[in-house]
N, C-alpha and C. Protein backbone atom coordinates (compact mmCIF):
# COMPACT_ATOMS: atom_id res chain seq x y z
N MET A 1 -65.01 75.87 35.48
CA MET A 1 -63.90 75.08 35.97
C MET A 1 -64.14 74.66 37.41
N LYS A 2 -63.58 73.53 37.74
CA LYS A 2 -63.73 73.01 39.09
C LYS A 2 -62.36 72.83 39.72
N THR A 3 -62.30 72.99 41.03
CA THR A 3 -61.07 72.72 41.75
C THR A 3 -61.05 71.26 42.14
N ASP A 4 -60.02 70.83 42.86
CA ASP A 4 -59.87 69.42 43.22
C ASP A 4 -61.05 68.88 44.00
N ASN A 5 -61.64 69.65 44.87
CA ASN A 5 -62.74 69.14 45.69
C ASN A 5 -64.10 69.49 45.09
N LYS A 6 -64.16 69.63 43.76
CA LYS A 6 -65.41 69.82 43.02
C LYS A 6 -66.11 71.14 43.33
N LYS A 7 -65.36 72.12 43.79
CA LYS A 7 -65.93 73.43 44.07
C LYS A 7 -65.55 74.35 42.92
N SER A 8 -66.47 75.14 42.44
CA SER A 8 -66.17 76.04 41.33
C SER A 8 -65.20 77.12 41.79
N GLU A 9 -64.51 77.69 40.82
CA GLU A 9 -63.56 78.76 41.14
C GLU A 9 -64.29 79.97 41.70
N ALA A 10 -65.49 80.23 41.23
CA ALA A 10 -66.27 81.36 41.75
C ALA A 10 -66.62 81.16 43.22
N ALA A 11 -66.97 79.93 43.59
CA ALA A 11 -67.27 79.65 44.99
C ALA A 11 -66.03 79.78 45.86
N ALA A 12 -64.90 79.32 45.35
CA ALA A 12 -63.65 79.44 46.10
C ALA A 12 -63.26 80.90 46.26
N LEU A 13 -63.46 81.71 45.22
CA LEU A 13 -63.15 83.14 45.29
C LEU A 13 -64.08 83.85 46.27
N ALA A 14 -65.35 83.49 46.25
CA ALA A 14 -66.31 84.09 47.18
C ALA A 14 -65.95 83.74 48.63
N GLU A 15 -65.54 82.51 48.84
CA GLU A 15 -65.14 82.08 50.18
C GLU A 15 -63.91 82.86 50.66
N ALA A 16 -62.93 83.03 49.78
CA ALA A 16 -61.72 83.78 50.13
C ALA A 16 -62.06 85.25 50.39
N ALA A 17 -62.96 85.83 49.61
CA ALA A 17 -63.37 87.22 49.81
C ALA A 17 -64.07 87.40 51.15
N PHE A 18 -64.91 86.43 51.52
CA PHE A 18 -65.61 86.51 52.80
C PHE A 18 -64.63 86.43 53.97
N ILE A 19 -63.66 85.54 53.87
CA ILE A 19 -62.65 85.43 54.92
C ILE A 19 -61.83 86.72 55.02
N ALA A 20 -61.49 87.31 53.88
CA ALA A 20 -60.76 88.58 53.89
C ALA A 20 -61.59 89.69 54.52
N ALA A 21 -62.89 89.71 54.22
CA ALA A 21 -63.77 90.73 54.83
C ALA A 21 -63.83 90.56 56.34
N GLN A 22 -63.83 89.31 56.79
CA GLN A 22 -63.83 89.07 58.24
C GLN A 22 -62.56 89.61 58.88
N LEU A 23 -61.42 89.36 58.26
CA LEU A 23 -60.16 89.85 58.82
C LEU A 23 -60.11 91.37 58.85
N VAL A 24 -60.58 91.99 57.79
CA VAL A 24 -60.60 93.46 57.76
C VAL A 24 -61.50 93.99 58.87
N TRP A 25 -62.66 93.36 59.05
CA TRP A 25 -63.58 93.83 60.09
C TRP A 25 -62.99 93.62 61.48
N LEU A 26 -62.48 92.43 61.74
CA LEU A 26 -61.97 92.12 63.07
C LEU A 26 -60.75 92.96 63.44
N ILE A 27 -59.82 93.09 62.51
CA ILE A 27 -58.58 93.82 62.82
C ILE A 27 -58.75 95.32 62.59
N GLY A 28 -59.23 95.68 61.41
CA GLY A 28 -59.35 97.10 61.07
C GLY A 28 -60.37 97.83 61.93
N ALA A 29 -61.60 97.36 61.88
CA ALA A 29 -62.64 98.02 62.66
C ALA A 29 -62.43 97.79 64.16
N GLY A 30 -61.93 96.61 64.52
CA GLY A 30 -61.69 96.32 65.94
C GLY A 30 -60.69 97.27 66.57
N GLY A 31 -59.61 97.52 65.87
CA GLY A 31 -58.61 98.47 66.38
C GLY A 31 -59.16 99.88 66.49
N PHE A 32 -59.92 100.29 65.49
CA PHE A 32 -60.53 101.61 65.49
C PHE A 32 -61.52 101.76 66.64
N VAL A 33 -62.34 100.74 66.85
CA VAL A 33 -63.33 100.77 67.93
C VAL A 33 -62.63 100.78 69.29
N TRP A 34 -61.54 100.03 69.42
CA TRP A 34 -60.81 99.98 70.70
C TRP A 34 -60.29 101.36 71.07
N VAL A 35 -59.80 102.10 70.09
CA VAL A 35 -59.28 103.44 70.35
C VAL A 35 -60.41 104.39 70.71
N LEU A 36 -61.54 104.29 70.03
CA LEU A 36 -62.64 105.23 70.22
C LEU A 36 -63.61 104.87 71.34
N ARG A 37 -63.46 103.72 71.97
CA ARG A 37 -64.45 103.26 72.94
C ARG A 37 -64.63 104.20 74.13
N ASP A 38 -63.59 104.91 74.53
CA ASP A 38 -63.67 105.81 75.69
C ASP A 38 -63.91 107.26 75.29
N GLY A 39 -63.95 107.54 74.01
CA GLY A 39 -64.16 108.91 73.56
C GLY A 39 -62.85 109.63 73.35
N LEU A 40 -62.95 110.75 72.70
CA LEU A 40 -61.78 111.58 72.44
C LEU A 40 -62.02 112.97 73.02
N GLY A 41 -60.97 113.67 73.28
CA GLY A 41 -61.09 115.04 73.76
C GLY A 41 -61.04 115.13 75.28
N PRO A 42 -61.37 116.31 75.80
CA PRO A 42 -61.26 116.54 77.24
C PRO A 42 -62.28 115.76 78.07
N ASP A 43 -63.39 115.36 77.48
CA ASP A 43 -64.40 114.64 78.25
C ASP A 43 -64.25 113.11 78.13
N ALA A 44 -63.11 112.65 77.66
CA ALA A 44 -62.87 111.21 77.51
C ALA A 44 -62.81 110.55 78.89
N THR A 45 -63.30 109.34 78.95
CA THR A 45 -63.25 108.55 80.18
C THR A 45 -62.30 107.38 79.98
N ARG A 46 -61.88 106.77 81.07
CA ARG A 46 -60.97 105.65 80.99
C ARG A 46 -61.68 104.41 81.52
N THR A 47 -61.69 103.35 80.73
CA THR A 47 -62.30 102.11 81.15
C THR A 47 -61.28 100.99 81.10
N THR A 48 -61.50 100.00 81.94
CA THR A 48 -60.63 98.83 81.95
C THR A 48 -61.49 97.59 82.17
N GLY A 49 -60.92 96.46 81.91
CA GLY A 49 -61.57 95.19 82.21
C GLY A 49 -62.85 94.93 81.45
N VAL A 50 -63.83 94.42 82.14
CA VAL A 50 -65.09 94.01 81.53
C VAL A 50 -65.84 95.21 80.96
N GLU A 51 -65.79 96.33 81.64
CA GLU A 51 -66.47 97.53 81.14
C GLU A 51 -65.92 97.96 79.78
N ALA A 52 -64.60 97.86 79.61
CA ALA A 52 -63.99 98.20 78.33
C ALA A 52 -64.45 97.25 77.23
N LEU A 53 -64.53 95.96 77.55
CA LEU A 53 -65.00 94.98 76.56
C LEU A 53 -66.46 95.20 76.21
N GLU A 54 -67.29 95.55 77.20
CA GLU A 54 -68.70 95.83 76.93
C GLU A 54 -68.86 97.03 76.01
N ARG A 55 -68.09 98.07 76.26
CA ARG A 55 -68.17 99.26 75.40
C ARG A 55 -67.70 98.95 73.98
N MET A 56 -66.63 98.18 73.89
CA MET A 56 -66.12 97.83 72.56
C MET A 56 -67.12 96.96 71.81
N PHE A 57 -67.76 96.03 72.52
CA PHE A 57 -68.70 95.12 71.90
C PHE A 57 -69.86 95.85 71.26
N GLY A 58 -70.33 96.91 71.89
CA GLY A 58 -71.51 97.62 71.39
C GLY A 58 -71.23 98.75 70.43
N MET A 59 -70.00 99.20 70.34
CA MET A 59 -69.70 100.36 69.52
C MET A 59 -69.62 99.98 68.04
N PHE A 60 -70.29 100.73 67.19
CA PHE A 60 -70.35 100.51 65.74
C PHE A 60 -70.83 99.10 65.41
N TYR A 61 -71.59 98.49 66.29
CA TYR A 61 -72.10 97.11 66.11
C TYR A 61 -70.97 96.12 65.87
N TRP A 62 -69.80 96.40 66.41
CA TRP A 62 -68.65 95.53 66.21
C TRP A 62 -68.90 94.14 66.77
N GLY A 63 -69.41 94.06 67.97
CA GLY A 63 -69.67 92.77 68.61
C GLY A 63 -70.72 91.94 67.90
N PRO A 64 -71.89 92.50 67.60
CA PRO A 64 -72.90 91.71 66.89
C PRO A 64 -72.43 91.23 65.52
N VAL A 65 -71.68 92.05 64.81
CA VAL A 65 -71.16 91.61 63.51
C VAL A 65 -70.17 90.47 63.69
N CYS A 66 -69.33 90.54 64.73
CA CYS A 66 -68.40 89.44 65.01
C CYS A 66 -69.15 88.16 65.35
N LEU A 67 -70.23 88.26 66.11
CA LEU A 67 -71.04 87.08 66.41
C LEU A 67 -71.69 86.51 65.16
N ALA A 68 -72.15 87.38 64.26
CA ALA A 68 -72.73 86.91 63.01
C ALA A 68 -71.69 86.18 62.17
N PHE A 69 -70.48 86.74 62.11
CA PHE A 69 -69.38 86.05 61.40
C PHE A 69 -69.10 84.69 62.01
N LEU A 70 -69.10 84.62 63.33
CA LEU A 70 -68.85 83.35 64.01
C LEU A 70 -69.92 82.32 63.67
N ILE A 71 -71.17 82.74 63.67
CA ILE A 71 -72.27 81.82 63.34
C ILE A 71 -72.15 81.33 61.90
N VAL A 72 -71.85 82.24 60.97
CA VAL A 72 -71.69 81.84 59.57
C VAL A 72 -70.52 80.88 59.43
N ASP A 73 -69.42 81.14 60.13
CA ASP A 73 -68.26 80.26 60.06
C ASP A 73 -68.57 78.86 60.60
N VAL A 74 -69.31 78.80 61.69
CA VAL A 74 -69.66 77.49 62.27
C VAL A 74 -70.56 76.72 61.31
N ILE A 75 -71.54 77.40 60.71
CA ILE A 75 -72.42 76.74 59.74
C ILE A 75 -71.62 76.26 58.53
N TRP A 76 -70.73 77.12 58.03
CA TRP A 76 -69.90 76.75 56.89
C TRP A 76 -69.03 75.54 57.22
N LEU A 77 -68.40 75.54 58.38
CA LEU A 77 -67.54 74.43 58.77
C LEU A 77 -68.35 73.15 58.94
N TRP A 78 -69.53 73.26 59.55
CA TRP A 78 -70.38 72.09 59.75
C TRP A 78 -70.79 71.49 58.41
N ARG A 79 -71.18 72.35 57.46
CA ARG A 79 -71.56 71.84 56.14
C ARG A 79 -70.38 71.24 55.40
N ARG A 80 -69.22 71.85 55.57
CA ARG A 80 -68.02 71.34 54.90
C ARG A 80 -67.62 69.97 55.45
N LEU A 81 -67.68 69.83 56.76
CA LEU A 81 -67.33 68.54 57.37
C LEU A 81 -68.34 67.46 57.01
N ARG A 82 -69.58 67.86 56.80
CA ARG A 82 -70.62 66.93 56.39
C ARG A 82 -70.48 66.53 54.94
N GLY A 83 -69.76 67.33 54.17
CA GLY A 83 -69.60 67.04 52.75
C GLY A 83 -70.73 67.59 51.90
N ASP A 84 -71.48 68.53 52.44
CA ASP A 84 -72.64 69.10 51.75
C ASP A 84 -72.24 70.41 51.07
N THR A 85 -71.31 70.36 50.11
CA THR A 85 -70.85 71.58 49.47
C THR A 85 -71.71 71.99 48.29
N GLU A 86 -72.38 71.05 47.66
CA GLU A 86 -73.24 71.36 46.50
C GLU A 86 -74.70 71.34 46.93
N ARG A 87 -75.48 72.28 46.45
CA ARG A 87 -76.92 72.31 46.75
C ARG A 87 -77.70 72.10 45.50
């Protein structure tokens, strides 16, 4: 079956699943990383500003995965705007 813009239902479902995975990663893992970035327990440190963002970016590879998602999204959007949906 095809949708209105000639995309198969499987492709539309895969696209929706990828977007959902991005949201789970950004919100779910992002919140968890934000809490854990300074450590837990008596030896925990307190960071603010740029240092806090740097620690969050590197913890659990949260930042690199977000950059990879961004690159994939830009490529997907570029191909979609070009009209190159079928290969």
